[in-house]
Amino acid sequence: MAKTVQSAGTTSAKSKTTKRKVAGDNPATSAETKKQARQKAISSAALLVEDEFNNLRWAQGAYGCVHTFLKPLDMMNVEEYLGEPRELTALMELINAEMGRRIRTLEKAIHAARELIH
């Protein structure tokens, strides 16, 4: 009976290639995967910035609404307020705090997006 002898160089080269394909270590695929992951992260960051900007816009709308309530109906007669300004102090403080929080959140989202892009 004759035995087949394979050269050591051929066997190890095939096994490394086979191992690489099985493990998914193809350099081209790895680069594409990293590029896709980076693009996905950038897209997510851009969506987050847009969401945070819209949240800030809502808070600014609430601020404008309360500001309108504080205006007198007749600019010559200051006593004709729709409500007492001191009654709305807590609401204004709440809206101002919320706007500040949303501005900081938007700034963080913009900074994170810039980090991903550069």
PDB file of N, CA and C in Angstrom:
ATOM      1  N   MET A   1       0.827  -1.165   0.000  1.00  0.00           N
ATOM      2  CA  MET A   1       0.000   0.000   0.000  1.00  0.00           C
ATOM      3  C   MET A   1       0.872   1.229   0.000  1.00  0.00           C
ATOM      4  N   ALA A   2       0.474   2.135  -0.837  1.00  0.00           N
ATOM      5  CA  ALA A   2       1.252   3.370  -0.936  1.00  0.00           C
ATOM      6  C   ALA A   2       0.542   4.468  -0.183  1.00  0.00           C
ATOM      7  N   LYS A   3       1.348   5.215   0.525  1.00  0.00           N
ATOM      8  CA  LYS A   3       0.798   6.354   1.270  1.00  0.00           C
ATOM      9  C   LYS A   3       1.127   7.625   0.522  1.00  0.00           C
ATOM     10  N   THR A   4       0.194   8.572   0.579  1.00  0.00           N
ATOM     11  CA  THR A   4       0.422   9.844  -0.071  1.00  0.00           C
ATOM     12  C   THR A   4       1.071  10.778   0.932  1.00  0.00           C
ATOM     13  N   VAL A   5       2.134  11.429   0.501  1.00  0.00           N
ATOM     14  CA  VAL A   5       2.835  12.353   1.384  1.00  0.00           C
ATOM     15  C   VAL A   5       2.649  13.757   0.822  1.00  0.00           C
ATOM     16  N   GLN A   6       2.158  14.652   1.667  1.00  0.00           N
ATOM     17  CA  GLN A   6       2.000  16.046   1.256  1.00  0.00           C
ATOM     18  C   GLN A   6       3.151  16.848   1.820  1.00  0.00           C
ATOM     19  N   SER A   7       3.538  17.861   1.089  1.00  0.00           N
ATOM     20  CA  SER A   7       4.639  18.684   1.582  1.00  0.00           C
ATOM     21  C   SER A   7       4.133  19.553   2.725  1.00  0.00           C
ATOM     22  N   ALA A   8       4.987  19.854   3.652  1.00  0.00           N
ATOM     23  CA  ALA A   8       4.621  20.632   4.842  1.00  0.00           C
ATOM     24  C   ALA A   8       4.220  22.047   4.472  1.00  0.00           C
ATOM     25  N   GLY A   9       4.878  22.627   3.474  1.00  0.00           N
ATOM     26  CA  GLY A   9       4.582  24.004   3.054  1.00  0.00           C
ATOM     27  C   GLY A   9       3.180  24.135   2.499  1.00  0.00           C
ATOM     28  N   THR A  10       2.749  23.182   1.694  1.00  0.00           N
ATOM     29  CA  THR A  10       1.428  23.225   1.090  1.00  0.00           C
ATOM     30  C   THR A  10       0.350  23.048   2.149  1.00  0.00           C
ATOM     31  N   THR A  11       0.569  22.142   3.053  1.00  0.00           N
ATOM     32  CA  THR A  11      -0.429  21.856   4.078  1.00  0.00           C
ATOM     33  C   THR A  11      -0.651  23.066   4.975  1.00  0.00           C
ATOM     34  N   SER A  12       0.415  23.684   5.415  1.00  0.00           N
ATOM     35  CA  SER A  12       0.261  24.819   6.334  1.00  0.00           C
ATOM     36  C   SER A  12      -0.343  26.026   5.626  1.00  0.00           C
ATOM     37  N   ALA A  13       0.008  26.228   4.363  1.00  0.00           N
ATOM     38  CA  ALA A  13      -0.557  27.355   3.619  1.00  0.00           C
ATOM     39  C   ALA A  13      -2.049  27.171   3.430  1.00  0.00           C
ATOM     40  N   LYS A  14      -2.458  25.960   3.087  1.00  0.00           N
ATOM     41  CA  LYS A  14      -3.887  25.706   2.923  1.00  0.00           C
ATOM     42  C   LYS A  14      -4.623  25.848   4.242  1.00  0.00           C
ATOM     43  N   SER A  15      -4.053  25.368   5.297  1.00  0.00           N
ATOM     44  CA  SER A  15      -4.745  25.418   6.575  1.00  0.00           C
ATOM     45  C   SER A  15      -4.874  26.870   7.075  1.00  0.00           C
ATOM     46  N   LYS A  16      -3.852  27.701   6.843  1.00  0.00           N
ATOM     47  CA  LYS A  16      -3.951  29.102   7.234  1.00  0.00           C
ATOM     48  C   LYS A  16      -5.043  29.816   6.440  1.00  0.00           C
ATOM     49  N   THR A  17      -5.084  29.561   5.139  1.00  0.00           N
ATOM     50  CA  THR A  17      -6.112  30.170   4.297  1.00  0.00           C
ATOM     51  C   THR A  17      -7.489  29.697   4.722  1.00  0.00           C
ATOM     52  N   THR A  18      -7.602  28.416   4.981  1.00  0.00           N
ATOM     53  CA  THR A  18      -8.877  27.865   5.414  1.00  0.00           C
ATOM     54  C   THR A  18      -9.277  28.464   6.753  1.00  0.00           C
ATOM     55  N   LYS A  19      -8.330  28.553   7.664  1.00  0.00           N
ATOM     56  CA  LYS A  19      -8.621  29.141   8.965  1.00  0.00           C
ATOM     57  C   LYS A  19      -9.050  30.608   8.812  1.00  0.00           C
ATOM     58  N   ARG A  20      -8.365  31.357   7.968  1.00  0.00           N
ATOM     59  CA  ARG A  20      -8.673  32.755   7.756  1.00  0.00           C
ATOM     60  C   ARG A  20     -10.088  32.924   7.195  1.00  0.00           C
ATOM     61  N   LYS A  21     -10.449  32.070   6.216  1.00  0.00           N
ATOM     62  CA  LYS A  21     -11.783  32.151   5.626  1.00  0.00           C
ATOM     63  C   LYS A  21     -12.854  31.769   6.644  1.00  0.00           C
ATOM     64  N   VAL A  22     -12.565  30.758   7.434  1.00  0.00           N
ATOM     65  CA  VAL A  22     -13.531  30.319   8.431  1.00  0.00           C
ATOM     66  C   VAL A  22     -13.709  31.387   9.498  1.00  0.00           C
ATOM     67  N   ALA A  23     -12.624  31.980   9.937  1.00  0.00           N
ATOM     68  CA  ALA A  23     -12.693  32.991  11.000  1.00  0.00           C
ATOM     69  C   ALA A  23     -13.197  34.328  10.482  1.00  0.00           C
ATOM     70  N   GLY A  24     -13.191  34.545   9.178  1.00  0.00           N
ATOM     71  CA  GLY A  24     -13.664  35.802   8.612  1.00  0.00           C
ATOM     72  C   GLY A  24     -12.635  36.910   8.710  1.00  0.00           C
ATOM     73  N   ASP A  25     -11.363  36.558   8.644  1.00  0.00           N
ATOM     74  CA  ASP A  25     -10.296  37.553   8.760  1.00  0.00           C
ATOM     75  C   ASP A  25      -9.879  38.132   7.431  1.00  0.00           C
ATOM     76  N   ASN A  26     -10.731  38.101   6.445  1.00  0.00           N
ATOM     77  CA  ASN A  26     -10.393  38.647   5.148  1.00  0.00           C
ATOM     78  C   ASN A  26     -10.197  40.159   5.307  1.00  0.00           C
ATOM     79  N   PRO A  27      -9.010  40.682   4.991  1.00  0.00           N
ATOM     80  CA  PRO A  27      -8.746  42.104   5.191  1.00  0.00           C
ATOM     81  C   PRO A  27      -9.701  43.023   4.425  1.00  0.00           C
ATOM     82  N   ALA A  28     -10.099  42.644   3.222  1.00  0.00           N
ATOM     83  CA  ALA A  28     -11.016  43.484   2.440  1.00  0.00           C
ATOM     84  C   ALA A  28     -12.382  43.546   3.115  1.00  0.00           C
ATOM     85  N   THR A  29     -12.871  42.420   3.578  1.00  0.00           N
ATOM     86  CA  THR A  29     -14.167  42.370   4.254  1.00  0.00           C
ATOM     87  C   THR A  29     -14.114  43.138   5.560  1.00  0.00           C
ATOM     88  N   SER A  30     -13.032  43.003   6.281  1.00  0.00           N
ATOM     89  CA  SER A  30     -12.877  43.699   7.554  1.00  0.00           C
ATOM     90  C   SER A  30     -12.890  45.217   7.358  1.00  0.00           C
ATOM     91  N   ALA A  31     -12.228  45.706   6.329  1.00  0.00           N
ATOM     92  CA  ALA A  31     -12.206  47.141   6.042  1.00  0.00           C
ATOM     93  C   ALA A  31     -13.606  47.633   5.650  1.00  0.00           C
ATOM     94  N   GLU A  32     -14.308  46.830   4.850  1.00  0.00           N
ATOM     95  CA  GLU A  32     -15.669  47.207   4.455  1.00  0.00           C
ATOM     96  C   GLU A  32     -16.597  47.243   5.667  1.00  0.00           C
ATOM     97  N   THR A  33     -16.436  46.262   6.543  1.00  0.00           N
ATOM     98  CA  THR A  33     -17.269  46.200   7.742  1.00  0.00           C
ATOM     99  C   THR A  33     -17.008  47.408   8.635  1.00  0.00           C
ATOM    100  N   LYS A  34     -15.748  47.775   8.803  1.00  0.00           N
ATOM    101  CA  LYS A  34     -15.408  48.946   9.613  1.00  0.00           C
ATOM    102  C   LYS A  34     -15.975  50.222   8.987  1.00  0.00           C
ATOM    103  N   LYS A  35     -15.898  50.316   7.669  1.00  0.00           N
ATOM    104  CA  LYS A  35     -16.417  51.489   6.974  1.00  0.00           C
ATOM    105  C   LYS A  35     -17.932  51.579   7.143  1.00  0.00           C
ATOM    106  N   GLN A  36     -18.610  50.452   7.012  1.00  0.00           N
ATOM    107  CA  GLN A  36     -20.067  50.435   7.190  1.00  0.00           C
ATOM    108  C   GLN A  36     -20.449  50.788   8.624  1.00  0.00           C
ATOM    109  N   ALA A  37     -19.684  50.277   9.585  1.00  0.00           N
ATOM    110  CA  ALA A  37     -19.967  50.577  10.992  1.00  0.00           C
ATOM    111  C   ALA A  37     -19.766  52.065  11.271  1.00  0.00           C
ATOM    112  N   ARG A  38     -18.729  52.644  10.680  1.00  0.00           N
ATOM    113  CA  ARG A  38     -18.460  54.075  10.862  1.00  0.00           C
ATOM    114  C   ARG A  38     -19.579  54.906  10.238  1.00  0.00           C
ATOM    115  N   GLN A  39     -20.009  54.533   9.041  1.00  0.00           N
ATOM    116  CA  GLN A  39     -21.105  55.245   8.373  1.00  0.00           C
ATOM    117  C   GLN A  39     -22.393  55.156   9.183  1.00  0.00           C
ATOM    118  N   LYS A  40     -22.642  53.998   9.746  1.00  0.00           N
ATOM    119  CA  LYS A  40     -23.839  53.812  10.562  1.00  0.00           C
ATOM    120  C   LYS A  40     -23.763  54.669  11.820  1.00  0.00           C
ATOM    121  N   ALA A  41     -22.588  54.745  12.434  1.00  0.00           N
ATOM    122  CA  ALA A  41     -22.412  55.570  13.629  1.00  0.00           C
ATOM    123  C   ALA A  41     -22.599  57.049  13.306  1.00  0.00           C
ATOM    124  N   ILE A  42     -22.089  57.480  12.156  1.00  0.00           N
ATOM    125  CA  ILE A  42     -22.247  58.873  11.738  1.00  0.00           C
ATOM    126  C   ILE A  42     -23.716  59.180  11.470  1.00  0.00           C
ATOM    127  N   SER A  43     -24.412  58.271  10.808  1.00  0.00           N
ATOM    128  CA  SER A  43     -25.843  58.465  10.538  1.00  0.00           C
ATOM    129  C   SER A  43     -26.636  58.543  11.838  1.00  0.00           C
ATOM    130  N   SER A  44     -26.310  57.672  12.781  1.00  0.00           N
ATOM    131  CA  SER A  44     -26.995  57.691  14.073  1.00  0.00           C
ATOM    132  C   SER A  44     -26.737  58.993  14.814  1.00  0.00           C
ATOM    133  N   ALA A  45     -25.494  59.466  14.757  1.00  0.00           N
ATOM    134  CA  ALA A  45     -25.161  60.724  15.417  1.00  0.00           C
ATOM    135  C   ALA A  45     -25.901  61.897  14.779  1.00  0.00           C
ATOM    136  N   ALA A  46     -26.005  61.877  13.457  1.00  0.00           N
ATOM    137  CA  ALA A  46     -26.732  62.948  12.761  1.00  0.00           C
ATOM    138  C   ALA A  46     -28.215  62.933  13.133  1.00  0.00           C
ATOM    139  N   LEU A  47     -28.803  61.748  13.240  1.00  0.00           N
ATOM    140  CA  LEU A  47     -30.207  61.647  13.653  1.00  0.00           C
ATOM    141  C   LEU A  47     -30.394  62.128  15.089  1.00  0.00           C
ATOM    142  N   LEU A  48     -29.430  61.824  15.945  1.00  0.00           N
ATOM    143  CA  LEU A  48     -29.504  62.290  17.325  1.00  0.00           C
ATOM    144  C   LEU A  48     -29.442  63.807  17.395  1.00  0.00           C
ATOM    145  N   VAL A  49     -28.565  64.417  16.608  1.00  0.00           N
ATOM    146  CA  VAL A  49     -28.481  65.881  16.571  1.00  0.00           C
ATOM    147  C   VAL A  49     -29.811  66.466  16.107  1.00  0.00           C
ATOM    148  N   GLU A  50     -30.393  65.879  15.079  1.00  0.00           N
ATOM    149  CA  GLU A  50     -31.674  66.370  14.570  1.00  0.00           C
ATOM    150  C   GLU A  50     -32.774  66.238  15.629  1.00  0.00           C
ATOM    151  N   ASP A  51     -32.816  65.106  16.323  1.00  0.00           N
ATOM    152  CA  ASP A  51     -33.813  64.908  17.376  1.00  0.00           C
ATOM    153  C   ASP A  51     -33.644  65.918  18.505  1.00  0.00           C
ATOM    154  N   GLU A  52     -32.405  66.118  18.925  1.00  0.00           N
ATOM    155  CA  GLU A  52     -32.154  67.060  20.021  1.00  0.00           C
ATOM    156  C   GLU A  52     -32.485  68.491  19.597  1.00  0.00           C
ATOM    157  N   PHE A  53     -32.222  68.820  18.337  1.00  0.00           N
ATOM    158  CA  PHE A  53     -32.572  70.150  17.843  1.00  0.00           C
ATOM    159  C   PHE A  53     -34.085  70.339  17.863  1.00  0.00           C
ATOM    160  N   ASN A  54     -34.829  69.319  17.450  1.00  0.00           N
ATOM    161  CA  ASN A  54     -36.293  69.402  17.482  1.00  0.00           C
ATOM    162  C   ASN A  54     -36.813  69.508  18.911  1.00  0.00           C
ATOM    163  N   ASN A  55     -36.174  68.822  19.858  1.00  0.00           N
ATOM    164  CA  ASN A  55     -36.552  68.951  21.266  1.00  0.00           C
ATOM    165  C   ASN A  55     -36.336  70.379  21.753  1.00  0.00           C
ATOM    166  N   LEU A  56     -35.225  70.976  21.360  1.00  0.00           N
ATOM    167  CA  LEU A  56     -34.960  72.359  21.732  1.00  0.00           C
ATOM    168  C   LEU A  56     -35.994  73.286  21.106  1.00  0.00           C
ATOM    169  N   ARG A  57     -36.371  73.000  19.891  1.00  0.00           N
ATOM    170  CA  ARG A  57     -37.380  73.808  19.203  1.00  0.00           C
ATOM    171  C   ARG A  57     -38.716  73.770  19.959  1.00  0.00           C
ATOM    172  N   TRP A  58     -39.091  72.593  20.483  1.00  0.00           N
ATOM    173  CA  TRP A  58     -40.328  72.474  21.266  1.00  0.00           C
ATOM    174  C   TRP A  58     -40.242  73.320  22.538  1.00  0.00           C
ATOM    175  N   ALA A  59     -39.100  73.271  23.209  1.00  0.00           N
ATOM    176  CA  ALA A  59     -38.932  74.060  24.438  1.00  0.00           C
ATOM    177  C   ALA A  59     -38.984  75.549  24.124  1.00  0.00           C
ATOM    178  N   GLN A  60     -38.400  75.929  23.009  1.00  0.00           N
ATOM    179  CA  GLN A  60     -38.427  77.340  22.606  1.00  0.00           C
ATOM    180  C   GLN A  60     -39.863  77.758  22.281  1.00  0.00           C
ATOM    181  N   GLY A  61     -40.646  76.877  21.707  1.00  0.00           N
ATOM    182  CA  GLY A  61     -42.054  77.164  21.430  1.00  0.00           C
ATOM    183  C   GLY A  61     -42.841  77.372  22.717  1.00  0.00           C
ATOM    184  N   ALA A  62     -42.549  76.561  23.731  1.00  0.00           N
ATOM    185  CA  ALA A  62     -43.211  76.726  25.031  1.00  0.00           C
ATOM    186  C   ALA A  62     -42.823  78.059  25.657  1.00  0.00           C
ATOM    187  N   TYR A  63     -41.562  78.430  25.523  1.00  0.00           N
ATOM    188  CA  TYR A  63     -41.101  79.719  26.033  1.00  0.00           C
ATOM    189  C   TYR A  63     -41.847  80.862  25.347  1.00  0.00           C
ATOM    190  N   GLY A  64     -41.975  80.785  24.038  1.00  0.00           N
ATOM    191  CA  GLY A  64     -42.695  81.812  23.285  1.00  0.00           C
ATOM    192  C   GLY A  64     -44.156  81.892  23.688  1.00  0.00           C
ATOM    193  N   CYS A  65     -44.755  80.757  23.947  1.00  0.00           N
ATOM    194  CA  CYS A  65     -46.162  80.720  24.367  1.00  0.00           C
ATOM    195  C   CYS A  65     -46.338  81.431  25.706  1.00  0.00           C
ATOM    196  N   VAL A  66     -45.494  81.131  26.671  1.00  0.00           N
ATOM    197  CA  VAL A  66     -45.592  81.789  27.979  1.00  0.00           C
ATOM    198  C   VAL A  66     -45.286  83.275  27.840  1.00  0.00           C
ATOM    199  N   HIS A  67     -44.337  83.610  27.003  1.00  0.00           N
ATOM    200  CA  HIS A  67     -44.000  85.014  26.774  1.00  0.00           C
ATOM    201  C   HIS A  67     -45.218  85.766  26.226  1.00  0.00           C
ATOM    202  N   THR A  68     -45.974  85.130  25.350  1.00  0.00           N
ATOM    203  CA  THR A  68     -47.182  85.741  24.793  1.00  0.00           C
ATOM    204  C   THR A  68     -48.226  85.965  25.886  1.00  0.00           C
ATOM    205  N   PHE A  69     -48.347  85.022  26.813  1.00  0.00           N
ATOM    206  CA  PHE A  69     -49.282  85.181  27.917  1.00  0.00           C
ATOM    207  C   PHE A  69     -48.912  86.370  28.805  1.00  0.00           C
ATOM    208  N   LEU A  70     -47.633  86.668  28.865  1.00  0.00           N
ATOM    209  CA  LEU A  70     -47.177  87.747  29.749  1.00  0.00           C
ATOM    210  C   LEU A  70     -47.327  89.130  29.122  1.00  0.00           C
ATOM    211  N   LYS A  71     -47.553  89.196  27.842  1.00  0.00           N
ATOM    212  CA  LYS A  71     -47.717  90.493  27.182  1.00  0.00           C
ATOM    213  C   LYS A  71     -49.085  91.080  27.529  1.00  0.00           C
ATOM    214  N   PRO A  72     -49.135  92.382  27.781  1.00  0.00           N
ATOM    215  CA  PRO A  72     -50.453  92.998  27.986  1.00  0.00           C
ATOM    216  C   PRO A  72     -51.205  93.080  26.659  1.00  0.00           C
ATOM    217  N   LEU A  73     -52.509  93.017  26.735  1.00  0.00           N
ATOM    218  CA  LEU A  73     -53.323  93.116  25.525  1.00  0.00           C
ATOM    219  C   LEU A  73     -53.181  94.494  24.887  1.00  0.00           C
ATOM    220  N   ASP A  74     -53.108  95.503  25.708  1.00  0.00           N
ATOM    221  CA  ASP A  74     -52.948  96.872  25.229  1.00  0.00           C
ATOM    222  C   ASP A  74     -51.647  97.398  25.812  1.00  0.00           C
ATOM    223  N   MET A  75     -50.690  97.735  24.964  1.00  0.00           N
ATOM    224  CA  MET A  75     -49.379  98.159  25.440  1.00  0.00           C
ATOM    225  C   MET A  75     -49.456  99.437  26.276  1.00  0.00           C
ATOM    226  N   MET A  76     -50.493 100.222  26.107  1.00  0.00           N
ATOM    227  CA  MET A  76     -50.639 101.443  26.898  1.00  0.00           C
ATOM    228  C   MET A  76     -51.192 101.150  28.287  1.00  0.00           C
ATOM    229  N   ASN A  77     -51.951 100.081  28.427  1.00  0.00           N
ATOM    230  CA  ASN A  77     -52.538  99.723  29.703  1.00  0.00           C
ATOM    231  C   ASN A  77     -51.848  98.466  30.218  1.00  0.00           C
ATOM    232  N   VAL A  78     -50.837  98.634  31.038  1.00  0.00           N
ATOM    233  CA  VAL A  78     -50.005  97.531  31.501  1.00  0.00           C
ATOM    234  C   VAL A  78     -50.761  96.620  32.470  1.00  0.00           C
ATOM    235  N   GLU A  79     -51.866  97.067  32.984  1.00  0.00           N
ATOM    236  CA  GLU A  79     -52.613  96.281  33.955  1.00  0.00           C
ATOM    237  C   GLU A  79     -53.440  95.172  33.301  1.00  0.00           C
ATOM    238  N   GLU A  80     -53.524  95.151  31.989  1.00  0.00           N
ATOM    239  CA  GLU A  80     -54.336  94.148  31.291  1.00  0.00           C
ATOM    240  C   GLU A  80     -53.515  92.915  30.885  1.00  0.00           C
ATOM    241  N   TYR A  81     -52.917  92.291  31.830  1.00  0.00           N
ATOM    242  CA  TYR A  81     -52.214  91.033  31.559  1.00  0.00           C
ATOM    243  C   TYR A  81     -53.216  89.897  31.549  1.00  0.00           C
ATOM    244  N   LEU A  82     -52.914  88.881  30.797  1.00  0.00           N
ATOM    245  CA  LEU A  82     -53.769  87.693  30.803  1.00  0.00           C
ATOM    246  C   LEU A  82     -53.595  86.919  32.111  1.00  0.00           C
ATOM    247  N   GLY A  83     -52.508  87.106  32.752  1.00  0.00           N
ATOM    248  CA  GLY A  83     -52.230  86.452  34.032  1.00  0.00           C
ATOM    249  C   GLY A  83     -51.247  87.299  34.805  1.00  0.00           C
ATOM    250  N   GLU A  84     -51.105  86.999  36.064  1.00  0.00           N
ATOM    251  CA  GLU A  84     -50.139  87.716  36.893  1.00  0.00           C
ATOM    252  C   GLU A  84     -48.738  87.167  36.616  1.00  0.00           C
ATOM    253  N   PRO A  85     -47.785  88.040  36.309  1.00  0.00           N
ATOM    254  CA  PRO A  85     -46.427  87.547  36.023  1.00  0.00           C
ATOM    255  C   PRO A  85     -45.834  86.750  37.183  1.00  0.00           C
ATOM    256  N   ARG A  86     -46.117  87.162  38.427  1.00  0.00           N
ATOM    257  CA  ARG A  86     -45.537  86.428  39.557  1.00  0.00           C
ATOM    258  C   ARG A  86     -46.139  85.025  39.683  1.00  0.00           C
ATOM    259  N   GLU A  87     -47.334  84.837  39.160  1.00  0.00           N
ATOM    260  CA  GLU A  87     -47.946  83.506  39.171  1.00  0.00           C
ATOM    261  C   GLU A  87     -47.254  82.564  38.179  1.00  0.00           C
ATOM    262  N   LEU A  88     -46.668  83.130  37.172  1.00  0.00           N
ATOM    263  CA  LEU A  88     -46.037  82.319  36.134  1.00  0.00           C
ATOM    264  C   LEU A  88     -44.528  82.154  36.338  1.00  0.00           C
ATOM    265  N   THR A  89     -44.011  82.645  37.448  1.00  0.00           N
ATOM    266  CA  THR A  89     -42.575  82.581  37.692  1.00  0.00           C
ATOM    267  C   THR A  89     -42.079  81.133  37.696  1.00  0.00           C
ATOM    268  N   ALA A  90     -42.784  80.261  38.385  1.00  0.00           N
ATOM    269  CA  ALA A  90     -42.358  78.858  38.449  1.00  0.00           C
ATOM    270  C   ALA A  90     -42.358  78.219  37.061  1.00  0.00           C
ATOM    271  N   LEU A  91     -43.357  78.537  36.275  1.00  0.00           N
ATOM    272  CA  LEU A  91     -43.424  77.990  34.917  1.00  0.00           C
ATOM    273  C   LEU A  91     -42.263  78.501  34.067  1.00  0.00           C
ATOM    274  N   MET A  92     -41.966  79.792  34.180  1.00  0.00           N
ATOM    275  CA  MET A  92     -40.840  80.355  33.411  1.00  0.00           C
ATOM    276  C   MET A  92     -39.512  79.743  33.859  1.00  0.00           C
ATOM    277  N   GLU A  93     -39.345  79.543  35.164  1.00  0.00           N
ATOM    278  CA  GLU A  93     -38.117  78.921  35.657  1.00  0.00           C
ATOM    279  C   GLU A  93     -37.985  77.494  35.129  1.00  0.00           C
ATOM    280  N   LEU A  94     -39.096  76.787  35.103  1.00  0.00           N
ATOM    281  CA  LEU A  94     -39.092  75.425  34.587  1.00  0.00           C
ATOM    282  C   LEU A  94     -38.742  75.397  33.098  1.00  0.00           C
ATOM    283  N   ILE A  95     -39.348  76.271  32.341  1.00  0.00           N
ATOM    284  CA  ILE A  95     -39.073  76.322  30.896  1.00  0.00           C
ATOM    285  C   ILE A  95     -37.628  76.739  30.642  1.00  0.00           C
ATOM    286  N   ASN A  96     -37.135  77.723  31.379  1.00  0.00           N
ATOM    287  CA  ASN A  96     -35.739  78.145  31.207  1.00  0.00           C
ATOM    288  C   ASN A  96     -34.770  77.017  31.552  1.00  0.00           C
ATOM    289  N   ALA A  97     -35.052  76.292  32.630  1.00  0.00           N
ATOM    290  CA  ALA A  97     -34.191  75.170  33.005  1.00  0.00           C
ATOM    291  C   ALA A  97     -34.221  74.086  31.925  1.00  0.00           C
ATOM    292  N   GLU A  98     -35.401  73.811  31.395  1.00  0.00           N
ATOM    293  CA  GLU A  98     -35.535  72.792  30.352  1.00  0.00           C
ATOM    294  C   GLU A  98     -34.822  73.225  29.068  1.00  0.00           C
ATOM    295  N   MET A  99     -34.943  74.492  28.726  1.00  0.00           N
ATOM    296  CA  MET A  99     -34.222  74.974  27.532  1.00  0.00           C
ATOM    297  C   MET A  99     -32.721  74.849  27.730  1.00  0.00           C
ATOM    298  N   GLY A 100     -32.231  75.202  28.913  1.00  0.00           N
ATOM    299  CA  GLY A 100     -30.798  75.052  29.198  1.00  0.00           C
ATOM    300  C   GLY A 100     -30.350  73.604  29.101  1.00  0.00           C
ATOM    301  N   ARG A 101     -31.155  72.690  29.642  1.00  0.00           N
ATOM    302  CA  ARG A 101     -30.823  71.271  29.574  1.00  0.00           C
ATOM    303  C   ARG A 101     -30.799  70.786  28.132  1.00  0.00           C
ATOM    304  N   ARG A 102     -31.776  71.214  27.354  1.00  0.00           N
ATOM    305  CA  ARG A 102     -31.836  70.770  25.957  1.00  0.00           C
ATOM    306  C   ARG A 102     -30.714  71.380  25.123  1.00  0.00           C
ATOM    307  N   ILE A 103     -30.322  72.593  25.431  1.00  0.00           N
ATOM    308  CA  ILE A 103     -29.183  73.209  24.726  1.00  0.00           C
ATOM    309  C   ILE A 103     -27.911  72.417  25.020  1.00  0.00           C
ATOM    310  N   ARG A 104     -27.696  72.065  26.284  1.00  0.00           N
ATOM    311  CA  ARG A 104     -26.504  71.278  26.639  1.00  0.00           C
ATOM    312  C   ARG A 104     -26.522  69.908  25.969  1.00  0.00           C
ATOM    313  N   THR A 105     -27.683  69.279  25.916  1.00  0.00           N
ATOM    314  CA  THR A 105     -27.799  67.971  25.264  1.00  0.00           C
ATOM    315  C   THR A 105     -27.508  68.087  23.779  1.00  0.00           C
ATOM    316  N   LEU A 106     -28.013  69.144  23.151  1.00  0.00           N
ATOM    317  CA  LEU A 106     -27.749  69.367  21.726  1.00  0.00           C
ATOM    318  C   LEU A 106     -26.264  69.614  21.489  1.00  0.00           C
ATOM    319  N   GLU A 107     -25.630  70.393  22.349  1.00  0.00           N
ATOM    320  CA  GLU A 107     -24.194  70.649  22.211  1.00  0.00           C
ATOM    321  C   GLU A 107     -23.397  69.353  22.317  1.00  0.00           C
ATOM    322  N   LYS A 108     -23.781  68.477  23.239  1.00  0.00           N
ATOM    323  CA  LYS A 108     -23.090  67.178  23.382  1.00  0.00           C
ATOM    324  C   LYS A 108     -23.285  66.327  22.131  1.00  0.00           C
ATOM    325  N   ALA A 109     -24.486  66.323  21.592  1.00  0.00           N
ATOM    326  CA  ALA A 109     -24.761  65.535  20.382  1.00  0.00           C
ATOM    327  C   ALA A 109     -23.956  66.067  19.200  1.00  0.00           C
ATOM    328  N   ILE A 110     -23.870  67.387  19.074  1.00  0.00           N
ATOM    329  CA  ILE A 110     -23.076  67.982  17.987  1.00  0.00           C
ATOM    330  C   ILE A 110     -21.605  67.624  18.161  1.00  0.00           C
ATOM    331  N   HIS A 111     -21.107  67.709  19.376  1.00  0.00           N
ATOM    332  CA  HIS A 111     -19.701  67.378  19.639  1.00  0.00           C
ATOM    333  C   HIS A 111     -19.422  65.908  19.300  1.00  0.00           C
ATOM    334  N   ALA A 112     -20.328  65.013  19.690  1.00  0.00           N
ATOM    335  CA  ALA A 112     -20.147  63.590  19.388  1.00  0.00           C
ATOM    336  C   ALA A 112     -20.153  63.347  17.879  1.00  0.00           C
ATOM    337  N   ALA A 113     -21.031  64.037  17.159  1.00  0.00           N
ATOM    338  CA  ALA A 113     -21.084  63.880  15.701  1.00  0.00           C
ATOM    339  C   ALA A 113     -19.796  64.390  15.065  1.00  0.00           C
ATOM    340  N   ARG A 114     -19.291  65.500  15.554  1.00  0.00           N
ATOM    341  CA  ARG A 114     -18.026  66.039  15.013  1.00  0.00           C
ATOM    342  C   ARG A 114     -16.868  65.058  15.250  1.00  0.00           C
ATOM    343  N   GLU A 115     -16.848  64.442  16.438  1.00  0.00           N
ATOM    344  CA  GLU A 115     -15.802  63.469  16.731  1.00  0.00           C
ATOM    345  C   GLU A 115     -15.844  62.290  15.763  1.00  0.00           C
ATOM    346  N   LEU A 116     -17.046  61.839  15.429  1.00  0.00           N
ATOM    347  CA  LEU A 116     -17.175  60.709  14.499  1.00  0.00           C
ATOM    348  C   LEU A 116     -16.768  61.085  13.084  1.00  0.00           C
ATOM    349  N   ILE A 117     -17.091  62.302  12.686  1.00  0.00           N
ATOM    350  CA  ILE A 117     -16.780  62.729  11.324  1.00  0.00           C
ATOM    351  C   ILE A 117     -15.290  62.948  11.127  1.00  0.00           C
ATOM    352  N   HIS A 118     -14.636  63.481  12.136  1.00  0.00           N
ATOM    353  CA  HIS A 118     -13.205  63.794  11.988  1.00  0.00           C
ATOM    354  C   HIS A 118     -12.347  62.722  12.499  1.00  0.00           C
TER     355      HIS A 118
END
